[in-house]
PDB file of N, CA and C in Angstrom:
ATOM      1  N   MET A   1     104.125  41.631 270.566  1.00  0.00           N
ATOM      2  CA  MET A   1     105.212  40.676 270.602  1.00  0.00           C
ATOM      3  C   MET A   1     104.822  39.455 269.778  1.00  0.00           C
ATOM      4  N   ASN A   2     105.760  38.870 269.102  1.00  0.00           N
ATOM      5  CA  ASN A   2     105.472  37.715 268.275  1.00  0.00           C
ATOM      6  C   ASN A   2     106.302  36.498 268.662  1.00  0.00           C
ATOM      7  N   ASP A   3     106.747  36.427 269.911  1.00  0.00           N
ATOM      8  CA  ASP A   3     107.532  35.264 270.293  1.00  0.00           C
ATOM      9  C   ASP A   3     106.609  34.144 270.755  1.00  0.00           C
ATOM     10  N   SER A   4     107.151  32.941 270.886  1.00  0.00           N
ATOM     11  CA  SER A   4     106.338  31.776 271.199  1.00  0.00           C
ATOM     12  C   SER A   4     105.877  31.743 272.647  1.00  0.00           C
ATOM     13  N   PHE A   5     106.351  32.641 273.474  1.00  0.00           N
ATOM     14  CA  PHE A   5     105.969  32.667 274.877  1.00  0.00           C
ATOM     15  C   PHE A   5     104.827  33.648 275.135  1.00  0.00           C
ATOM     16  N   THR A   6     104.402  34.355 274.133  1.00  0.00           N
ATOM     17  CA  THR A   6     103.367  35.369 274.296  1.00  0.00           C
ATOM     18  C   THR A   6     102.059  34.897 273.674  1.00  0.00           C
ATOM     19  N   THR A   7     100.966  35.067 274.418  1.00  0.00           N
ATOM     20  CA  THR A   7      99.637  34.741 273.916  1.00  0.00           C
ATOM     21  C   THR A   7      98.917  36.039 273.596  1.00  0.00           C
ATOM     22  N   ARG A   8      98.337  36.109 272.410  1.00  0.00           N
ATOM     23  CA  ARG A   8      97.615  37.305 271.969  1.00  0.00           C
ATOM     24  C   ARG A   8      96.118  37.003 271.962  1.00  0.00           C
ATOM     25  N   LEU A   9      95.340  37.888 272.567  1.00  0.00           N
ATOM     26  CA  LEU A   9      93.887  37.775 272.551  1.00  0.00           C
ATOM     27  C   LEU A   9      93.314  38.938 271.760  1.00  0.00           C
ATOM     28  N   ALA A  10      92.592  38.626 270.694  1.00  0.00           N
ATOM     29  CA  ALA A  10      91.952  39.644 269.850  1.00  0.00           C
ATOM     30  C   ALA A  10      90.693  40.148 270.554  1.00  0.00           C
ATOM     31  N   PRO A  11      90.143  41.276 270.109  1.00  0.00           N
ATOM     32  CA  PRO A  11      88.911  41.790 270.716  1.00  0.00           C
ATOM     33  C   PRO A  11      87.816  40.715 270.739  1.00  0.00           C
ATOM     34  N   GLY A  12      87.215  40.518 271.904  1.00  0.00           N
ATOM     35  CA  GLY A  12      86.140  39.545 272.058  1.00  0.00           C
ATOM     36  C   GLY A  12      86.583  38.110 272.220  1.00  0.00           C
ATOM     37  N   GLN A  13      87.886  37.838 272.141  1.00  0.00           N
ATOM     38  CA  GLN A  13      88.385  36.472 272.256  1.00  0.00           C
ATOM     39  C   GLN A  13      88.669  36.140 273.717  1.00  0.00           C
ATOM     40  N   ALA A  14      88.155  35.012 274.181  1.00  0.00           N
ATOM     41  CA  ALA A  14      88.419  34.531 275.534  1.00  0.00           C
ATOM     42  C   ALA A  14      89.228  33.244 275.443  1.00  0.00           C
ATOM     43  N   LEU A  15      89.953  32.938 276.508  1.00  0.00           N
ATOM     44  CA  LEU A  15      90.813  31.762 276.538  1.00  0.00           C
ATOM     45  C   LEU A  15      90.762  31.157 277.927  1.00  0.00           C
ATOM     46  N   THR A  16      90.589  29.845 277.990  1.00  0.00           N
ATOM     47  CA  THR A  16      90.689  29.124 279.257  1.00  0.00           C
ATOM     48  C   THR A  16      92.056  28.461 279.306  1.00  0.00           C
ATOM     49  N   VAL A  17      92.799  28.716 280.379  1.00  0.00           N
ATOM     50  CA  VAL A  17      94.126  28.137 280.567  1.00  0.00           C
ATOM     51  C   VAL A  17      94.009  27.069 281.650  1.00  0.00           C
ATOM     52  N   ALA A  18      94.345  25.853 281.300  1.00  0.00           N
ATOM     53  CA  ALA A  18      94.215  24.726 282.227  1.00  0.00           C
ATOM     54  C   ALA A  18      95.104  24.895 283.453  1.00  0.00           C
ATOM     55  N   ALA A  19      94.682  24.260 284.530  1.00  0.00           N
ATOM     56  CA  ALA A  19      95.453  24.271 285.776  1.00  0.00           C
ATOM     57  C   ALA A  19      96.787  23.539 285.564  1.00  0.00           C
ATOM     58  N   ALA A  20      97.784  23.906 286.353  1.00  0.00           N
ATOM     59  CA  ALA A  20      99.106  23.273 286.278  1.00  0.00           C
ATOM     60  C   ALA A  20      99.492  22.760 287.666  1.00  0.00           C
ATOM     61  N   ARG A  21     100.490  21.918 287.713  1.00  0.00           N
ATOM     62  CA  ARG A  21     100.954  21.345 288.983  1.00  0.00           C
ATOM     63  C   ARG A  21     101.759  22.312 289.820  1.00  0.00           C
ATOM     64  N   ALA A  22     102.334  23.319 289.172  1.00  0.00           N
ATOM     65  CA  ALA A  22     103.194  24.287 289.865  1.00  0.00           C
ATOM     66  C   ALA A  22     102.606  25.687 289.720  1.00  0.00           C
ATOM     67  N   PRO A  23     102.930  26.586 290.636  1.00  0.00           N
ATOM     68  CA  PRO A  23     102.475  27.964 290.473  1.00  0.00           C
ATOM     69  C   PRO A  23     103.083  28.587 289.227  1.00  0.00           C
ATOM     70  N   ARG A  24     102.391  29.571 288.663  1.00  0.00           N
ATOM     71  CA  ARG A  24     102.876  30.282 287.474  1.00  0.00           C
ATOM     72  C   ARG A  24     102.664  31.763 287.679  1.00  0.00           C
ATOM     73  N   ARG A  25     103.401  32.552 286.920  1.00  0.00           N
ATOM     74  CA  ARG A  25     103.279  34.009 286.971  1.00  0.00           C
ATOM     75  C   ARG A  25     102.718  34.468 285.642  1.00  0.00           C
ATOM     76  N   LEU A  26     101.586  35.169 285.660  1.00  0.00           N
ATOM     77  CA  LEU A  26     100.987  35.733 284.468  1.00  0.00           C
ATOM     78  C   LEU A  26     101.369  37.205 284.413  1.00  0.00           C
ATOM     79  N   VAL A  27     101.939  37.636 283.281  1.00  0.00           N
ATOM     80  CA  VAL A  27     102.378  39.016 283.097  1.00  0.00           C
ATOM     81  C   VAL A  27     101.798  39.549 281.795  1.00  0.00           C
ATOM     82  N   VAL A  28     101.112  40.689 281.868  1.00  0.00           N
ATOM     83  CA  VAL A  28     100.540  41.325 280.682  1.00  0.00           C
ATOM     84  C   VAL A  28     101.646  42.125 279.991  1.00  0.00           C
ATOM     85  N   THR A  29     101.852  41.865 278.699  1.00  0.00           N
ATOM     86  CA  THR A  29     102.900  42.558 277.952  1.00  0.00           C
ATOM     87  C   THR A  29     102.363  43.721 277.122  1.00  0.00           C
ATOM     88  N   SER A  30     101.059  43.687 276.799  1.00  0.00           N
ATOM     89  CA  SER A  30     100.440  44.836 276.125  1.00  0.00           C
ATOM     90  C   SER A  30      98.929  44.760 276.287  1.00  0.00           C
ATOM     91  N   GLY A  31      98.293  45.921 276.224  1.00  0.00           N
ATOM     92  CA  GLY A  31      96.849  45.988 276.318  1.00  0.00           C
ATOM     93  C   GLY A  31      96.336  45.872 277.745  1.00  0.00           C
ATOM     94  N   ARG A  32      95.096  45.414 277.840  1.00  0.00           N
ATOM     95  CA  ARG A  32      94.417  45.274 279.129  1.00  0.00           C
ATOM     96  C   ARG A  32      93.739  43.907 279.156  1.00  0.00           C
ATOM     97  N   LEU A  33      93.885  43.190 280.271  1.00  0.00           N
ATOM     98  CA  LEU A  33      93.401  41.821 280.380  1.00  0.00           C
ATOM     99  C   LEU A  33      92.428  41.694 281.539  1.00  0.00           C
ATOM    100  N   TRP A  34      91.290  41.082 281.251  1.00  0.00           N
ATOM    101  CA  TRP A  34      90.346  40.715 282.309  1.00  0.00           C
ATOM    102  C   TRP A  34      90.527  39.237 282.557  1.00  0.00           C
ATOM    103  N   LEU A  35      90.569  38.826 283.815  1.00  0.00           N
ATOM    104  CA  LEU A  35      90.654  37.405 284.083  1.00  0.00           C
ATOM    105  C   LEU A  35      89.968  37.044 285.379  1.00  0.00           C
ATOM    106  N   THR A  36      89.580  35.786 285.436  1.00  0.00           N
ATOM    107  CA  THR A  36      89.034  35.206 286.646  1.00  0.00           C
ATOM    108  C   THR A  36      89.776  33.904 286.885  1.00  0.00           C
ATOM    109  N   ILE A  37      89.962  33.569 288.147  1.00  0.00           N
ATOM    110  CA  ILE A  37      90.748  32.403 288.527  1.00  0.00           C
ATOM    111  C   ILE A  37      89.852  31.451 289.306  1.00  0.00           C
ATOM    112  N   SER A  38      89.919  30.161 288.959  1.00  0.00           N
ATOM    113  CA  SER A  38      89.083  29.177 289.647  1.00  0.00           C
ATOM    114  C   SER A  38      89.371  29.206 291.147  1.00  0.00           C
ATOM    115  N   GLY A  39      88.318  29.060 291.919  1.00  0.00           N
ATOM    116  CA  GLY A  39      88.456  29.077 293.366  1.00  0.00           C
ATOM    117  C   GLY A  39      88.461  30.472 293.958  1.00  0.00           C
ATOM    118  N   GLY A  40      88.459  31.495 293.111  1.00  0.00           N
ATOM    119  CA  GLY A  40      88.459  32.879 293.577  1.00  0.00           C
ATOM    120  C   GLY A  40      87.073  33.481 293.474  1.00  0.00           C
ATOM    121  N   THR A  41      86.885  34.607 294.131  1.00  0.00           N
ATOM    122  CA  THR A  41      85.588  35.280 294.080  1.00  0.00           C
ATOM    123  C   THR A  41      85.657  36.607 293.343  1.00  0.00           C
ATOM    124  N   ASP A  42      86.855  37.051 293.009  1.00  0.00           N
ATOM    125  CA  ASP A  42      87.035  38.355 292.365  1.00  0.00           C
ATOM    126  C   ASP A  42      87.513  38.213 290.926  1.00  0.00           C
ATOM    127  N   ASP A  43      87.136  39.175 290.094  1.00  0.00           N
ATOM    128  CA  ASP A  43      87.716  39.320 288.769  1.00  0.00           C
ATOM    129  C   ASP A  43      88.947  40.207 288.908  1.00  0.00           C
ATOM    130  N   HIS A  44      89.863  40.073 287.965  1.00  0.00           N
ATOM    131  CA  HIS A  44      91.096  40.860 287.994  1.00  0.00           C
ATOM    132  C   HIS A  44      91.233  41.604 286.670  1.00  0.00           C
ATOM    133  N   TRP A  45      91.665  42.860 286.733  1.00  0.00           N
ATOM    134  CA  TRP A  45      91.956  43.679 285.564  1.00  0.00           C
ATOM    135  C   TRP A  45      93.432  44.031 285.623  1.00  0.00           C
ATOM    136  N   LEU A  46      94.161  43.660 284.585  1.00  0.00           N
ATOM    137  CA  LEU A  46      95.595  43.935 284.548  1.00  0.00           C
ATOM    138  C   LEU A  46      95.934  44.701 283.284  1.00  0.00           C
ATOM    139  N   ARG A  47      96.870  45.629 283.411  1.00  0.00           N
ATOM    140  CA  ARG A  47      97.375  46.399 282.265  1.00  0.00           C
ATOM    141  C   ARG A  47      98.802  45.974 281.963  1.00  0.00           C
ATOM    142  N   ALA A  48      99.314  46.429 280.841  1.00  0.00           N
ATOM    143  CA  ALA A  48     100.687  46.113 280.440  1.00  0.00           C
ATOM    144  C   ALA A  48     101.643  46.406 281.587  1.00  0.00           C
ATOM    145  N   GLY A  49     102.515  45.463 281.876  1.00  0.00           N
ATOM    146  CA  GLY A  49     103.493  45.607 282.945  1.00  0.00           C
ATOM    147  C   GLY A  49     103.032  45.033 284.270  1.00  0.00           C
ATOM    148  N   GLU A  50     101.749  44.742 284.398  1.00  0.00           N
ATOM    149  CA  GLU A  50     101.223  44.182 285.641  1.00  0.00           C
ATOM    150  C   GLU A  50     101.114  42.665 285.524  1.00  0.00           C
ATOM    151  N   GLY A  51     101.094  42.004 286.673  1.00  0.00           N
ATOM    152  CA  GLY A  51     100.981  40.558 286.674  1.00  0.00           C
ATOM    153  C   GLY A  51     100.483  40.051 288.004  1.00  0.00           C
ATOM    154  N   LEU A  52     100.268  38.743 288.067  1.00  0.00           N
ATOM    155  CA  LEU A  52      99.883  38.107 289.316  1.00  0.00           C
ATOM    156  C   LEU A  52     100.330  36.659 289.295  1.00  0.00           C
ATOM    157  N   THR A  53     100.396  36.065 290.480  1.00  0.00           N
ATOM    158  CA  THR A  53     100.792  34.669 290.603  1.00  0.00           C
ATOM    159  C   THR A  53      99.543  33.802 290.639  1.00  0.00           C
ATOM    160  N   VAL A  54      99.551  32.741 289.849  1.00  0.00           N
ATOM    161  CA  VAL A  54      98.459  31.786 289.793  1.00  0.00           C
ATOM    162  C   VAL A  54      98.933  30.536 290.530  1.00  0.00           C
ATOM    163  N   ALA A  55      98.214  30.160 291.573  1.00  0.00           N
ATOM    164  CA  ALA A  55      98.614  29.009 292.388  1.00  0.00           C
ATOM    165  C   ALA A  55      98.469  27.704 291.609  1.00  0.00           C
ATOM    166  N   ALA A  56      99.207  26.696 292.040  1.00  0.00           N
ATOM    167  CA  ALA A  56      99.078  25.369 291.451  1.00  0.00           C
ATOM    168  C   ALA A  56      97.630  24.916 291.564  1.00  0.00           C
ATOM    169  N   GLY A  57      97.114  24.286 290.516  1.00  0.00           N
ATOM    170  CA  GLY A  57      95.760  23.757 290.529  1.00  0.00           C
ATOM    171  C   GLY A  57      94.678  24.745 290.147  1.00  0.00           C
ATOM    172  N   GLN A  58      95.040  25.996 289.876  1.00  0.00           N
ATOM    173  CA  GLN A  58      94.034  26.991 289.503  1.00  0.00           C
ATOM    174  C   GLN A  58      93.945  27.134 287.987  1.00  0.00           C
ATOM    175  N   GLU A  59      92.716  27.163 287.493  1.00  0.00           N
ATOM    176  CA  GLU A  59      92.440  27.392 286.079  1.00  0.00           C
ATOM    177  C   GLU A  59      92.157  28.881 285.891  1.00  0.00           C
ATOM    178  N   ILE A  60      92.502  29.419 284.706  1.00  0.00           N
ATOM    179  CA  ILE A  60      92.323  30.840 284.413  1.00  0.00           C
ATOM    180  C   ILE A  60      91.401  30.980 283.208  1.00  0.00           C
ATOM    181  N   VAL A  61      90.497  31.943 283.259  1.00  0.00           N
ATOM    182  CA  VAL A  61      89.742  32.361 282.073  1.00  0.00           C
ATOM    183  C   VAL A  61      90.123  33.819 281.839  1.00  0.00           C
ATOM    184  N   ALA A  62      90.648  34.118 280.646  1.00  0.00           N
ATOM    185  CA  ALA A  62      91.154  35.457 280.333  1.00  0.00           C
ATOM    186  C   ALA A  62      90.501  35.988 279.068  1.00  0.00           C
ATOM    187  N   GLU A  63      90.341  37.306 279.029  1.00  0.00           N
ATOM    188  CA  GLU A  63      89.810  37.973 277.833  1.00  0.00           C
ATOM    189  C   GLU A  63      90.483  39.329 277.698  1.00  0.00           C
ATOM    190  N   GLY A  64      90.905  39.658 276.472  1.00  0.00           N
ATOM    191  CA  GLY A  64      91.460  40.979 276.209  1.00  0.00           C
ATOM    192  C   GLY A  64      90.359  42.017 276.296  1.00  0.00           C
ATOM    193  N   TRP A  65      90.707  43.178 276.809  1.00  0.00           N
ATOM    194  CA  TRP A  65      89.678  44.225 276.980  1.00  0.00           C
ATOM    195  C   TRP A  65      90.179  45.530 276.444  1.00  0.00           C
ATOM    196  N   PRO A  66      90.142  45.866 275.208  1.00  0.00           N
ATOM    197  CA  PRO A  66      89.531  45.067 274.165  1.00  0.00           C
ATOM    198  C   PRO A  66      90.470  43.994 273.611  1.00  0.00           C
ATOM    199  N   GLN A  67      91.767  44.167 273.766  1.00  0.00           N
ATOM    200  CA  GLN A  67      92.724  43.148 273.319  1.00  0.00           C
ATOM    201  C   GLN A  67      93.904  43.170 274.270  1.00  0.00           C
ATOM    202  N   ALA A  68      94.675  42.074 274.274  1.00  0.00           N
ATOM    203  CA  ALA A  68      95.807  41.996 275.188  1.00  0.00           C
ATOM    204  C   ALA A  68      96.785  40.928 274.722  1.00  0.00           C
ATOM    205  N   GLU A  69      98.010  41.050 275.224  1.00  0.00           N
ATOM    206  CA  GLU A  69      99.021  40.021 275.060  1.00  0.00           C
ATOM    207  C   GLU A  69      99.580  39.741 276.446  1.00  0.00           C
ATOM    208  N   PHE A  70      99.839  38.458 276.728  1.00  0.00           N
ATOM    209  CA  PHE A  70     100.379  38.107 278.032  1.00  0.00           C
ATOM    210  C   PHE A  70     101.309  36.914 277.938  1.00  0.00           C
ATOM    211  N   GLN A  71     102.102  36.753 278.979  1.00  0.00           N
ATOM    212  CA  GLN A  71     102.994  35.610 279.104  1.00  0.00           C
ATOM    213  C   GLN A  71     102.654  34.872 280.384  1.00  0.00           C
ATOM    214  N   LEU A  72     102.702  33.566 280.328  1.00  0.00           N
ATOM    215  CA  LEU A  72     102.472  32.728 281.484  1.00  0.00           C
ATOM    216  C   LEU A  72     103.796  32.045 281.790  1.00  0.00           C
ATOM    217  N   LEU A  73     104.455  32.507 282.833  1.00  0.00           N
ATOM    218  CA  LEU A  73     105.810  32.070 283.160  1.00  0.00           C
ATOM    219  C   LEU A  73     105.779  30.953 284.195  1.00  0.00           C
ATOM    220  N   GLN A  74     106.636  29.972 283.996  1.00  0.00           N
ATOM    221  CA  GLN A  74     106.734  28.857 284.924  1.00  0.00           C
ATOM    222  C   GLN A  74     108.074  28.916 285.633  1.00  0.00           C
ATOM    223  N   PRO A  75     108.119  28.487 286.908  1.00  0.00           N
ATOM    224  CA  PRO A  75     109.393  28.509 287.619  1.00  0.00           C
ATOM    225  C   PRO A  75     110.365  27.502 287.025  1.00  0.00           C
ATOM    226  N   MET A  76     111.650  27.775 287.177  1.00  0.00           N
ATOM    227  CA  MET A  76     112.669  26.849 286.715  1.00  0.00           C
ATOM    228  C   MET A  76     112.633  25.602 287.605  1.00  0.00           C
ATOM    229  N   PRO A  77     112.689  24.414 287.025  1.00  0.00           N
ATOM    230  CA  PRO A  77     112.657  23.189 287.831  1.00  0.00           C
ATOM    231  C   PRO A  77     113.783  23.172 288.865  1.00  0.00           C
ATOM    232  N   GLN A  78     113.491  22.627 290.028  1.00  0.00           N
ATOM    233  CA  GLN A  78     114.498  22.515 291.082  1.00  0.00           C
ATOM    234  C   GLN A  78     115.618  21.582 290.644  1.00  0.00           C
ATOM    235  N   GLY A  79     116.820  21.899 291.064  1.00  0.00           N
ATOM    236  CA  GLY A  79     117.968  21.057 290.754  1.00  0.00           C
ATOM    237  C   GLY A  79     118.526  21.253 289.360  1.00  0.00           C
ATOM    238  N   ARG A  80     117.995  22.179 288.619  1.00  0.00           N
ATOM    239  CA  ARG A  80     118.476  22.428 287.256  1.00  0.00           C
ATOM    240  C   ARG A  80     119.799  23.180 287.318  1.00  0.00           C
ATOM    241  N   ALA A  81     120.736  22.763 286.529  1.00  0.00           N
ATOM    242  CA  ALA A  81     122.053  23.395 286.512  1.00  0.00           C
ATOM    243  C   ALA A  81     121.960  24.804 285.938  1.00  0.00           C
ATOM    244  N   VAL A  82     122.701  25.708 286.534  1.00  0.00           N
ATOM    245  CA  VAL A  82     122.769  27.082 286.055  1.00  0.00           C
ATOM    246  C   VAL A  82     124.143  27.280 285.423  1.00  0.00           C
ATOM    247  N   ALA A  83     124.175  27.830 284.220  1.00  0.00           N
ATOM    248  CA  ALA A  83     125.437  28.044 283.522  1.00  0.00           C
ATOM    249  C   ALA A  83     126.313  29.028 284.289  1.00  0.00           C
ATOM    250  N   LYS A  84     127.591  28.693 284.388  1.00  0.00           N
ATOM    251  CA  LYS A  84     128.561  29.558 285.042  1.00  0.00           C
ATOM    252  C   LYS A  84     129.726  29.780 284.083  1.00  0.00           C
ATOM    253  N   PRO A  85     130.398  30.928 284.199  1.00  0.00           N
ATOM    254  CA  PRO A  85     131.547  31.153 283.325  1.00  0.00           C
ATOM    255  C   PRO A  85     132.657  30.136 283.604  1.00  0.00           C
ATOM    256  N   ALA A  86     133.388  29.795 282.577  1.00  0.00           N
ATOM    257  CA  ALA A  86     134.508  28.868 282.744  1.00  0.00           C
ATOM    258  C   ALA A  86     135.580  29.488 283.623  1.00  0.00           C
ATOM    259  N   ARG A  87     136.248  28.659 284.406  1.00  0.00           N
ATOM    260  CA  ARG A  87     137.330  29.161 285.271  1.00  0.00           C
ATOM    261  C   ARG A  87     138.439  29.761 284.426  1.00  0.00           C
ATOM    262  N   GLY A  88     139.032  30.784 284.954  1.00  0.00           N
ATOM    263  CA  GLY A  88     140.147  31.412 284.268  1.00  0.00           C
ATOM    264  C   GLY A  88     139.733  32.443 283.224  1.00  0.00           C
ATOM    265  N   TRP A  89     138.452  32.627 283.023  1.00  0.00           N
ATOM    266  CA  TRP A  89     137.970  33.598 282.048  1.00  0.00           C
ATOM    267  C   TRP A  89     137.181  34.666 282.768  1.00  0.00           C
ATOM    268  N   ARG A  90     137.299  35.855 282.298  1.00  0.00           N
ATOM    269  CA  ARG A  90     136.453  36.930 282.792  1.00  0.00           C
ATOM    270  C   ARG A  90     136.184  37.875 281.624  1.00  0.00           C
ATOM    271  N   MET A  91     135.105  38.603 281.722  1.00  0.00           N
ATOM    272  CA  MET A  91     134.731  39.514 280.653  1.00  0.00           C
ATOM    273  C   MET A  91     134.898  40.947 281.137  1.00  0.00           C
ATOM    274  N   ASN A  92     135.391  41.797 280.266  1.00  0.00           N
ATOM    275  CA  ASN A  92     135.440  43.212 280.632  1.00  0.00           C
ATOM    276  C   ASN A  92     134.119  43.852 280.260  1.00  0.00           C
ATOM    277  N   LEU A  93     133.938  45.131 280.559  1.00  0.00           N
ATOM    278  CA  LEU A  93     132.669  45.779 280.316  1.00  0.00           C
ATOM    279  C   LEU A  93     132.297  45.851 278.852  1.00  0.00           C
ATOM    280  N   ALA A  94     133.247  45.758 277.958  1.00  0.00           N
ATOM    281  CA  ALA A  94     132.975  45.799 276.532  1.00  0.00           C
ATOM    282  C   ALA A  94     132.522  44.425 276.017  1.00  0.00           C
ATOM    283  N   GLY A  95     132.531  43.400 276.900  1.00  0.00           N
ATOM    284  CA  GLY A  95     132.079  42.070 276.493  1.00  0.00           C
ATOM    285  C   GLY A  95     133.137  41.236 275.816  1.00  0.00           C
ATOM    286  N   GLN A  96     134.404  41.624 275.926  1.00  0.00           N
ATOM    287  CA  GLN A  96     135.473  40.870 275.314  1.00  0.00           C
ATOM    288  C   GLN A  96     136.300  40.203 276.399  1.00  0.00           C
ATOM    289  N   ALA A  97     136.834  39.044 276.078  1.00  0.00           N
ATOM    290  CA  ALA A  97     137.649  38.313 277.060  1.00  0.00           C
ATOM    291  C   ALA A  97     138.846  39.164 277.459  1.00  0.00           C
ATOM    292  N   ALA A  98     139.109  39.158 278.759  1.00  0.00           N
ATOM    293  CA  ALA A  98     140.226  39.957 279.275  1.00  0.00           C
ATOM    294  C   ALA A  98     141.451  39.103 279.420  1.00  0.00           C
TER     295      ALA A  98
END
């Protein structure tokens, strides 16, 4: 993946991800990822499609094994407006206004 939300780790490359104020979800999008989380006693091995939640205040050290791509997702801020369809409009299954 080449989008701005994906981090790519080449063979032998390690990355330290700083702690955040809010919990985050780490999801592996390709390859295999080894990681350790501050305050934990276990290492974690994740494959494409797998993920885990990183608690607020935890730092992560990750390394591709041999390489990996992952996304670190943050929750949507509380109170943020969610887009809704305008009144009086509806879409049919073909995606055209009815």
